[in-house]
Amino acid sequence: MQKIIGVIGVVFFLTIYVIPSAMGAEEFPVAPPPITEGMFPCSGCHASMETNLKKRELKDEHTNIKLHHAEMMWCFYCHDAKNRDKLRLYNGQPINFTESYRLCGECHGNVFRAWKAGIHGKRTGYFWGGKRTYYLCASCHDPHDPKFKPIKPEPAPLRPME
């Protein structure tokens, strides 16, 4: 029994820490980001607009976005102010929306490691080899309001008639 528990522990350690850390960003073929129709590319509207870095309530456009992702956050913590068609990492490096998992992983490292290992989130394909697709964080979580809303439980099953 102890041998089985030891083997399970080694496999767990490898899938959480060793295998994912050996994999680069190119190892994560992702599904397309769930970008709202007509909203991307962002430069379509923002190219001619002056950049306002000040945190404020959005009144003209994007009024449907309610930012409830750590109350101190603002658009340009994640979106690149110089190129609106990119996101930006903490160090200012611009990245594509298809690499948004890197941005999410900067604050949510434990979940990011689990995502890379296939424990958190959705992944299709083969675990040990072959083609696989990872779904981006934004495929399940609204990046502006990521907490899952409470779900009304289904009614209890009916007892079979005796």
C-alpha atoms as a PDB file:
ATOM      1  CA  MET A   1       0.000   0.000   0.000  1.00  0.00           C
ATOM      2  CA  GLN A   2       2.811   2.432   0.915  1.00  0.00           C
ATOM      3  CA  LYS A   3       4.518   1.643  -2.412  1.00  0.00           C
ATOM      4  CA  ILE A   4       1.340   2.555  -4.325  1.00  0.00           C
ATOM      5  CA  ILE A   5       0.990   5.812  -2.364  1.00  0.00           C
ATOM      6  CA  GLY A   6       4.654   6.575  -3.101  1.00  0.00           C
ATOM      7  CA  VAL A   7       4.178   5.991  -6.833  1.00  0.00           C
ATOM      8  CA  ILE A   8       1.056   8.193  -6.839  1.00  0.00           C
ATOM      9  CA  GLY A   9       3.041  10.905  -5.040  1.00  0.00           C
ATOM     10  CA  VAL A  10       5.848  10.782  -7.620  1.00  0.00           C
ATOM     11  CA  VAL A  11       3.384  10.936 -10.532  1.00  0.00           C
ATOM     12  CA  PHE A  12       1.584  13.861  -8.892  1.00  0.00           C
ATOM     13  CA  PHE A  13       4.888  15.695  -8.332  1.00  0.00           C
ATOM     14  CA  LEU A  14       5.957  15.129 -11.940  1.00  0.00           C
ATOM     15  CA  THR A  15       2.656  16.297 -13.439  1.00  0.00           C
ATOM     16  CA  ILE A  16       2.442  19.411 -11.249  1.00  0.00           C
ATOM     17  CA  TYR A  17       6.051  20.596 -11.058  1.00  0.00           C
ATOM     18  CA  VAL A  18       8.524  18.851 -13.352  1.00  0.00           C
ATOM     19  CA  ILE A  19       6.709  18.209 -16.642  1.00  0.00           C
ATOM     20  CA  PRO A  20       5.001  21.635 -16.861  1.00  0.00           C
ATOM     21  CA  SER A  21       8.162  23.576 -15.969  1.00  0.00           C
ATOM     22  CA  ALA A  22      10.042  21.782 -18.753  1.00  0.00           C
ATOM     23  CA  MET A  23       7.386  22.837 -21.270  1.00  0.00           C
ATOM     24  CA  GLY A  24       7.635  26.214 -22.998  1.00  0.00           C
ATOM     25  CA  ALA A  25       4.769  28.437 -24.133  1.00  0.00           C
ATOM     26  CA  GLU A  26       4.904  26.747 -27.539  1.00  0.00           C
ATOM     27  CA  GLU A  27       3.838  23.523 -25.852  1.00  0.00           C
ATOM     28  CA  PHE A  28       0.340  24.873 -25.214  1.00  0.00           C
ATOM     29  CA  PRO A  29      -1.716  24.792 -28.393  1.00  0.00           C
ATOM     30  CA  VAL A  30      -4.784  26.759 -27.349  1.00  0.00           C
ATOM     31  CA  ALA A  31      -8.285  27.095 -28.683  1.00  0.00           C
ATOM     32  CA  PRO A  32      -9.062  30.537 -30.135  1.00  0.00           C
ATOM     33  CA  PRO A  33      -9.825  33.179 -27.511  1.00  0.00           C
ATOM     34  CA  PRO A  34     -13.531  33.858 -26.962  1.00  0.00           C
ATOM     35  CA  ILE A  35     -13.419  37.412 -28.317  1.00  0.00           C
ATOM     36  CA  THR A  36     -16.782  39.099 -28.788  1.00  0.00           C
ATOM     37  CA  GLU A  37     -17.810  39.617 -32.403  1.00  0.00           C
ATOM     38  CA  GLY A  38     -17.120  43.170 -33.536  1.00  0.00           C
ATOM     39  CA  MET A  39     -14.833  43.888 -30.569  1.00  0.00           C
ATOM     40  CA  PHE A  40     -11.565  42.665 -32.084  1.00  0.00           C
ATOM     41  CA  PRO A  41      -9.260  43.951 -33.388  1.00  0.00           C
ATOM     42  CA  CYS A  42      -9.351  46.657 -30.735  1.00  0.00           C
ATOM     43  CA  SER A  43      -7.246  48.941 -32.922  1.00  0.00           C
ATOM     44  CA  GLY A  44     -10.252  49.244 -35.239  1.00  0.00           C
ATOM     45  CA  CYS A  45     -11.719  51.805 -32.835  1.00  0.00           C
ATOM     46  CA  HIS A  46      -8.758  52.731 -30.630  1.00  0.00           C
ATOM     47  CA  ALA A  47      -6.209  53.566 -33.371  1.00  0.00           C
ATOM     48  CA  SER A  48      -7.457  57.141 -33.671  1.00  0.00           C
ATOM     49  CA  MET A  49      -8.239  57.612 -29.971  1.00  0.00           C
ATOM     50  CA  GLU A  50      -5.988  59.241 -27.407  1.00  0.00           C
ATOM     51  CA  THR A  51      -4.922  56.851 -24.635  1.00  0.00           C
ATOM     52  CA  ASN A  52      -6.283  57.776 -21.220  1.00  0.00           C
ATOM     53  CA  LEU A  53      -4.456  55.768 -18.553  1.00  0.00           C
ATOM     54  CA  LYS A  54      -6.576  57.154 -15.681  1.00  0.00           C
ATOM     55  CA  LYS A  55      -8.857  54.692 -13.899  1.00  0.00           C
ATOM     56  CA  ARG A  56     -12.456  55.792 -14.369  1.00  0.00           C
ATOM     57  CA  GLU A  57     -15.975  54.597 -15.060  1.00  0.00           C
ATOM     58  CA  LEU A  58     -16.453  53.840 -18.741  1.00  0.00           C
ATOM     59  CA  LYS A  59     -19.407  55.885 -20.007  1.00  0.00           C
ATOM     60  CA  ASP A  60     -19.309  55.883 -23.815  1.00  0.00           C
ATOM     61  CA  GLU A  61     -18.061  52.461 -24.910  1.00  0.00           C
ATOM     62  CA  HIS A  62     -17.565  49.155 -23.140  1.00  0.00           C
ATOM     63  CA  THR A  63     -20.292  50.052 -20.662  1.00  0.00           C
ATOM     64  CA  ASN A  64     -21.226  46.368 -20.575  1.00  0.00           C
ATOM     65  CA  ILE A  65     -17.846  45.581 -18.969  1.00  0.00           C
ATOM     66  CA  LYS A  66     -17.988  45.622 -15.195  1.00  0.00           C
ATOM     67  CA  LEU A  67     -14.500  45.219 -13.799  1.00  0.00           C
ATOM     68  CA  HIS A  68     -14.742  43.004 -10.718  1.00  0.00           C
ATOM     69  CA  HIS A  69     -11.300  41.435 -10.894  1.00  0.00           C
ATOM     70  CA  ALA A  70      -9.592  42.789  -7.818  1.00  0.00           C
ATOM     71  CA  GLU A  71     -11.052  46.224  -7.292  1.00  0.00           C
ATOM     72  CA  MET A  72      -7.736  48.047  -7.740  1.00  0.00           C
ATOM     73  CA  MET A  73      -7.354  46.716 -11.301  1.00  0.00           C
ATOM     74  CA  TRP A  74      -7.713  48.851 -14.413  1.00  0.00           C
ATOM     75  CA  CYS A  75      -7.753  48.066 -18.157  1.00  0.00           C
ATOM     76  CA  PHE A  76      -4.062  48.782 -18.715  1.00  0.00           C
ATOM     77  CA  TYR A  77      -2.916  46.353 -16.036  1.00  0.00           C
ATOM     78  CA  CYS A  78      -3.651  43.663 -18.654  1.00  0.00           C
ATOM     79  CA  HIS A  79      -4.251  45.419 -21.986  1.00  0.00           C
ATOM     80  CA  ASP A  80      -1.314  47.040 -23.778  1.00  0.00           C
ATOM     81  CA  ALA A  81      -1.821  50.806 -24.041  1.00  0.00           C
ATOM     82  CA  LYS A  82       0.491  51.141 -27.061  1.00  0.00           C
ATOM     83  CA  ASN A  83      -0.989  48.282 -29.096  1.00  0.00           C
ATOM     84  CA  ARG A  84      -4.602  47.585 -28.189  1.00  0.00           C
ATOM     85  CA  ASP A  85      -4.530  44.289 -30.098  1.00  0.00           C
ATOM     86  CA  LYS A  86      -2.155  42.866 -27.474  1.00  0.00           C
ATOM     87  CA  LEU A  87      -2.168  42.102 -23.787  1.00  0.00           C
ATOM     88  CA  ARG A  88       0.803  42.980 -21.580  1.00  0.00           C
ATOM     89  CA  LEU A  89       2.680  41.094 -18.924  1.00  0.00           C
ATOM     90  CA  TYR A  90       3.707  42.717 -15.638  1.00  0.00           C
ATOM     91  CA  ASN A  91       7.137  43.527 -17.084  1.00  0.00           C
ATOM     92  CA  GLY A  92       5.471  45.385 -19.991  1.00  0.00           C
ATOM     93  CA  GLN A  93       6.104  42.690 -22.612  1.00  0.00           C
ATOM     94  CA  PRO A  94       3.235  42.604 -25.120  1.00  0.00           C
ATOM     95  CA  ILE A  95       1.685  39.182 -25.804  1.00  0.00           C
ATOM     96  CA  ASN A  96      -1.063  37.901 -28.073  1.00  0.00           C
ATOM     97  CA  PHE A  97      -4.512  37.072 -26.747  1.00  0.00           C
ATOM     98  CA  THR A  98      -3.702  33.421 -27.521  1.00  0.00           C
ATOM     99  CA  GLU A  99      -1.043  33.625 -24.784  1.00  0.00           C
ATOM    100  CA  SER A 100      -3.376  35.122 -22.182  1.00  0.00           C
ATOM    101  CA  TYR A 101      -2.694  32.138 -19.896  1.00  0.00           C
ATOM    102  CA  ARG A 102       0.762  33.654 -19.307  1.00  0.00           C
ATOM    103  CA  LEU A 103      -0.862  36.879 -18.102  1.00  0.00           C
ATOM    104  CA  CYS A 104      -3.329  35.059 -15.841  1.00  0.00           C
ATOM    105  CA  GLY A 105      -0.497  32.889 -14.523  1.00  0.00           C
ATOM    106  CA  GLU A 106       1.408  35.917 -13.233  1.00  0.00           C
ATOM    107  CA  CYS A 107      -1.105  36.344 -10.404  1.00  0.00           C
ATOM    108  CA  HIS A 108      -2.682  32.893 -10.327  1.00  0.00           C
ATOM    109  CA  GLY A 109       0.482  30.751 -10.333  1.00  0.00           C
ATOM    110  CA  ASN A 110      -0.957  27.768  -8.473  1.00  0.00           C
ATOM    111  CA  VAL A 111      -3.925  27.545 -10.853  1.00  0.00           C
ATOM    112  CA  PHE A 112      -1.595  28.111 -13.832  1.00  0.00           C
ATOM    113  CA  ARG A 113       0.566  25.125 -12.804  1.00  0.00           C
ATOM    114  CA  ALA A 114      -2.560  23.004 -12.461  1.00  0.00           C
ATOM    115  CA  TRP A 115      -3.784  24.225 -15.886  1.00  0.00           C
ATOM    116  CA  LYS A 116      -0.467  23.295 -17.503  1.00  0.00           C
ATOM    117  CA  ALA A 117      -0.689  19.833 -15.955  1.00  0.00           C
ATOM    118  CA  GLY A 118      -4.282  19.360 -17.142  1.00  0.00           C
ATOM    119  CA  ILE A 119      -5.794  19.387 -13.660  1.00  0.00           C
ATOM    120  CA  HIS A 120      -7.590  22.766 -13.912  1.00  0.00           C
ATOM    121  CA  GLY A 121      -9.579  23.861 -16.921  1.00  0.00           C
ATOM    122  CA  LYS A 122     -10.502  22.052 -20.077  1.00  0.00           C
ATOM    123  CA  ARG A 123      -8.100  20.251 -22.327  1.00  0.00           C
ATOM    124  CA  THR A 124      -8.901  17.960 -25.240  1.00  0.00           C
ATOM    125  CA  GLY A 125      -6.689  15.427 -26.949  1.00  0.00           C
ATOM    126  CA  TYR A 126      -4.072  13.086 -25.529  1.00  0.00           C
ATOM    127  CA  PHE A 127      -2.290  13.428 -22.176  1.00  0.00           C
ATOM    128  CA  TRP A 128       1.020  11.614 -22.799  1.00  0.00           C
ATOM    129  CA  GLY A 129       1.405  12.232 -26.514  1.00  0.00           C
ATOM    130  CA  GLY A 130      -0.369  13.298 -29.631  1.00  0.00           C
ATOM    131  CA  LYS A 131      -2.325  16.407 -30.408  1.00  0.00           C
ATOM    132  CA  ARG A 132      -4.065  18.240 -27.588  1.00  0.00           C
ATOM    133  CA  THR A 133      -5.787  21.585 -27.175  1.00  0.00           C
ATOM    134  CA  TYR A 134      -5.831  23.695 -24.045  1.00  0.00           C
ATOM    135  CA  TYR A 135      -8.706  26.073 -23.463  1.00  0.00           C
ATOM    136  CA  LEU A 136      -7.775  29.558 -22.334  1.00  0.00           C
ATOM    137  CA  CYS A 137      -8.784  30.872 -18.921  1.00  0.00           C
ATOM    138  CA  ALA A 138     -11.200  33.249 -20.684  1.00  0.00           C
ATOM    139  CA  SER A 139     -12.982  30.264 -22.254  1.00  0.00           C
ATOM    140  CA  CYS A 140     -14.543  29.590 -18.840  1.00  0.00           C
ATOM    141  CA  HIS A 141     -13.899  32.772 -16.823  1.00  0.00           C
ATOM    142  CA  ASP A 142     -14.892  36.297 -17.822  1.00  0.00           C
ATOM    143  CA  PRO A 143     -11.517  38.053 -17.468  1.00  0.00           C
ATOM    144  CA  HIS A 144     -13.235  41.208 -16.223  1.00  0.00           C
ATOM    145  CA  ASP A 145     -15.389  39.366 -13.673  1.00  0.00           C
ATOM    146  CA  PRO A 146     -13.841  35.886 -13.310  1.00  0.00           C
ATOM    147  CA  LYS A 147     -15.655  34.493 -10.284  1.00  0.00           C
ATOM    148  CA  PHE A 148     -18.243  31.892 -11.234  1.00  0.00           C
ATOM    149  CA  LYS A 149     -21.753  33.019 -10.450  1.00  0.00           C
ATOM    150  CA  PRO A 150     -23.765  30.842  -8.044  1.00  0.00           C
ATOM    151  CA  ILE A 151     -25.579  28.065  -9.843  1.00  0.00           C
ATOM    152  CA  LYS A 152     -29.060  27.018  -8.778  1.00  0.00           C
ATOM    153  CA  PRO A 153     -28.872  23.321  -7.893  1.00  0.00           C
ATOM    154  CA  GLU A 154     -30.971  20.797  -9.753  1.00  0.00           C
ATOM    155  CA  PRO A 155     -33.887  19.309  -7.802  1.00  0.00           C
ATOM    156  CA  ALA A 156     -33.205  16.158  -5.811  1.00  0.00           C
ATOM    157  CA  PRO A 157     -33.829  12.895  -7.681  1.00  0.00           C
ATOM    158  CA  LEU A 158     -37.168  11.217  -7.186  1.00  0.00           C
ATOM    159  CA  ARG A 159     -37.265   8.024  -5.167  1.00  0.00           C
ATOM    160  CA  PRO A 160     -38.275   5.021  -7.213  1.00  0.00           C
ATOM    161  CA  MET A 161     -41.757   3.700  -6.545  1.00  0.00           C
ATOM    162  CA  GLU A 162     -41.779   0.690  -4.262  1.00  0.00           C
END
